[in-house]
Amino acid sequence: MNRPWWYRVPPVAVVLITYAVTGALIFTFITDTAVVWAGGGLVLGMLAAFVQGAARAAYDERHR
């Protein structure tokens, strides 16, 4: 079965990529306080992993 690219990306990679990009954007454009950009990046990283998990579950349900 040929799954889409987003299905094959490990959840840890989704969290780390989102964390890094969000942290860099918050640091660059909003504030240089480490707690804010680290916390914001972590929250959005976890949210992205949750959304990917939901998308995987929906994909699995449709392609049984």
N, C-alpha and C. Protein backbone atom coordinates (compact mmCIF):
# COMPACT_ATOMS: atom_id res chain seq x y z
N MET A 1 0.84 -1.17 0.00
CA MET A 1 0.00 0.00 0.00
C MET A 1 0.89 1.24 0.00
N ASN A 2 0.63 2.17 -0.89
CA ASN A 2 1.42 3.38 -1.01
C ASN A 2 0.76 4.50 -0.21
N ARG A 3 1.32 4.80 0.95
CA ARG A 3 0.75 5.81 1.82
C ARG A 3 1.29 7.19 1.45
N PRO A 4 0.54 8.26 1.77
CA PRO A 4 1.01 9.62 1.47
C PRO A 4 2.24 9.99 2.30
N TRP A 5 2.97 10.99 1.85
CA TRP A 5 4.22 11.38 2.51
C TRP A 5 4.00 11.78 3.96
N TRP A 6 2.91 12.47 4.27
CA TRP A 6 2.69 12.93 5.64
C TRP A 6 2.41 11.78 6.58
N TYR A 7 1.96 10.65 6.05
CA TYR A 7 1.70 9.47 6.87
C TYR A 7 3.01 8.83 7.31
N ARG A 8 4.01 8.90 6.46
CA ARG A 8 5.28 8.22 6.72
C ARG A 8 6.23 9.03 7.60
N VAL A 9 5.95 10.31 7.84
CA VAL A 9 6.80 11.14 8.68
C VAL A 9 6.58 10.76 10.14
N PRO A 10 7.64 10.45 10.89
CA PRO A 10 7.48 10.09 12.29
C PRO A 10 6.92 11.26 13.12
N PRO A 11 6.08 10.97 14.10
CA PRO A 11 5.52 12.04 14.93
C PRO A 11 6.58 12.90 15.64
N VAL A 12 7.69 12.28 16.00
CA VAL A 12 8.77 13.04 16.66
C VAL A 12 9.33 14.10 15.70
N ALA A 13 9.45 13.75 14.44
CA ALA A 13 9.94 14.71 13.46
C ALA A 13 8.96 15.86 13.28
N VAL A 14 7.67 15.56 13.31
CA VAL A 14 6.66 16.61 13.19
C VAL A 14 6.78 17.58 14.37
N VAL A 15 6.92 17.05 15.57
CA VAL A 15 7.05 17.90 16.76
C VAL A 15 8.32 18.75 16.68
N LEU A 16 9.44 18.14 16.33
CA LEU A 16 10.70 18.88 16.31
C LEU A 16 10.74 19.95 15.22
N ILE A 17 10.24 19.63 14.05
CA ILE A 17 10.23 20.62 12.97
C ILE A 17 9.31 21.78 13.31
N THR A 18 8.13 21.48 13.80
CA THR A 18 7.19 22.54 14.18
C THR A 18 7.75 23.37 15.33
N TYR A 19 8.36 22.69 16.28
CA TYR A 19 8.95 23.38 17.43
C TYR A 19 10.03 24.35 16.97
N ALA A 20 10.91 23.90 16.11
CA ALA A 20 12.02 24.75 15.65
C ALA A 20 11.52 25.94 14.83
N VAL A 21 10.61 25.70 13.91
CA VAL A 21 10.12 26.79 13.07
C VAL A 21 9.33 27.80 13.89
N THR A 22 8.45 27.32 14.75
CA THR A 22 7.65 28.22 15.58
C THR A 22 8.53 28.99 16.55
N GLY A 23 9.46 28.32 17.18
CA GLY A 23 10.38 29.00 18.08
C GLY A 23 11.18 30.08 17.39
N ALA A 24 11.66 29.80 16.20
CA ALA A 24 12.43 30.80 15.44
C ALA A 24 11.56 31.99 15.06
N LEU A 25 10.33 31.72 14.64
CA LEU A 25 9.44 32.83 14.26
C LEU A 25 9.07 33.68 15.47
N ILE A 26 8.76 33.06 16.59
CA ILE A 26 8.42 33.83 17.79
C ILE A 26 9.64 34.64 18.26
N PHE A 27 10.80 34.02 18.24
CA PHE A 27 12.02 34.72 18.66
C PHE A 27 12.33 35.90 17.74
N THR A 28 12.14 35.71 16.45
CA THR A 28 12.48 36.75 15.48
C THR A 28 11.48 37.90 15.49
N PHE A 29 10.20 37.59 15.51
CA PHE A 29 9.20 38.62 15.29
C PHE A 29 8.46 39.09 16.55
N ILE A 30 8.45 38.31 17.62
CA ILE A 30 7.62 38.68 18.77
C ILE A 30 8.45 39.05 19.99
N THR A 31 9.23 38.12 20.50
CA THR A 31 9.98 38.38 21.72
C THR A 31 11.25 37.53 21.75
N ASP A 32 12.20 37.97 22.56
CA ASP A 32 13.43 37.19 22.69
C ASP A 32 13.48 36.45 24.03
N THR A 33 12.36 36.39 24.73
CA THR A 33 12.29 35.65 25.99
C THR A 33 12.24 34.15 25.69
N ALA A 34 13.19 33.43 26.25
CA ALA A 34 13.33 32.00 25.94
C ALA A 34 12.12 31.19 26.35
N VAL A 35 11.52 31.51 27.48
CA VAL A 35 10.36 30.75 27.95
C VAL A 35 9.20 30.87 26.96
N VAL A 36 9.01 32.03 26.41
CA VAL A 36 7.88 32.25 25.49
C VAL A 36 8.08 31.49 24.20
N TRP A 37 9.24 31.63 23.55
CA TRP A 37 9.39 30.94 22.27
C TRP A 37 9.53 29.44 22.44
N ALA A 38 10.13 29.00 23.53
CA ALA A 38 10.24 27.56 23.76
C ALA A 38 8.87 26.96 24.08
N GLY A 39 8.11 27.63 24.92
CA GLY A 39 6.78 27.14 25.27
C GLY A 39 5.83 27.17 24.09
N GLY A 40 5.85 28.27 23.34
CA GLY A 40 4.99 28.37 22.16
C GLY A 40 5.33 27.33 21.12
N GLY A 41 6.62 27.10 20.91
CA GLY A 41 7.03 26.07 19.95
C GLY A 41 6.63 24.68 20.39
N LEU A 42 6.74 24.41 21.67
CA LEU A 42 6.37 23.08 22.18
C LEU A 42 4.87 22.85 22.07
N VAL A 43 4.08 23.86 22.42
CA VAL A 43 2.62 23.73 22.34
C VAL A 43 2.19 23.48 20.89
N LEU A 44 2.70 24.27 19.96
CA LEU A 44 2.32 24.06 18.56
C LEU A 44 2.88 22.75 18.00
N GLY A 45 4.05 22.33 18.48
CA GLY A 45 4.59 21.04 18.05
C GLY A 45 3.71 19.88 18.48
N MET A 46 3.25 19.93 19.72
CA MET A 46 2.35 18.88 20.21
C MET A 46 1.00 18.92 19.48
N LEU A 47 0.51 20.10 19.19
CA LEU A 47 -0.73 20.23 18.44
C LEU A 47 -0.58 19.65 17.04
N ALA A 48 0.56 19.90 16.40
CA ALA A 48 0.81 19.35 15.07
C ALA A 48 0.86 17.83 15.10
N ALA A 49 1.48 17.26 16.13
CA ALA A 49 1.53 15.79 16.26
C ALA A 49 0.13 15.23 16.48
N PHE A 50 -0.69 15.92 17.25
CA PHE A 50 -2.07 15.48 17.47
C PHE A 50 -2.86 15.50 16.17
N VAL A 51 -2.71 16.56 15.39
CA VAL A 51 -3.41 16.66 14.11
C VAL A 51 -2.93 15.58 13.15
N GLN A 52 -1.63 15.31 13.13
CA GLN A 52 -1.12 14.24 12.27
C GLN A 52 -1.68 12.89 12.70
N GLY A 53 -1.77 12.65 14.00
CA GLY A 53 -2.35 11.40 14.49
C GLY A 53 -3.81 11.25 14.09
N ALA A 54 -4.55 12.34 14.18
CA ALA A 54 -5.95 12.32 13.77
C ALA A 54 -6.07 12.06 12.27
N ALA A 55 -5.19 12.67 11.49
CA ALA A 55 -5.20 12.45 10.04
C ALA A 55 -4.84 11.00 9.70
N ARG A 56 -3.88 10.43 10.44
CA ARG A 56 -3.53 9.03 10.23
C ARG A 56 -4.70 8.11 10.53
N ALA A 57 -5.40 8.39 11.64
CA ALA A 57 -6.55 7.57 12.02
C ALA A 57 -7.65 7.67 10.96
N ALA A 58 -7.91 8.86 10.47
CA ALA A 58 -8.93 9.04 9.43
C ALA A 58 -8.52 8.33 8.15
N TYR A 59 -7.24 8.41 7.80
CA TYR A 59 -6.74 7.73 6.60
C TYR A 59 -6.90 6.22 6.73
N ASP A 60 -6.52 5.70 7.91
CA ASP A 60 -6.65 4.26 8.14
C ASP A 60 -8.11 3.81 8.07
N GLU A 61 -9.00 4.62 8.59
CA GLU A 61 -10.42 4.29 8.58
C GLU A 61 -10.97 4.26 7.14
N ARG A 62 -10.53 5.19 6.32
CA ARG A 62 -11.02 5.25 4.93
C ARG A 62 -10.42 4.14 4.05
N HIS A 63 -9.22 3.67 4.39
CA HIS A 63 -8.54 2.71 3.52
C HIS A 63 -8.40 1.34 4.16
N ARG A 64 -9.42 0.88 4.79
CA ARG A 64 -9.39 -0.46 5.37
C ARG A 64 -9.64 -1.50 4.33
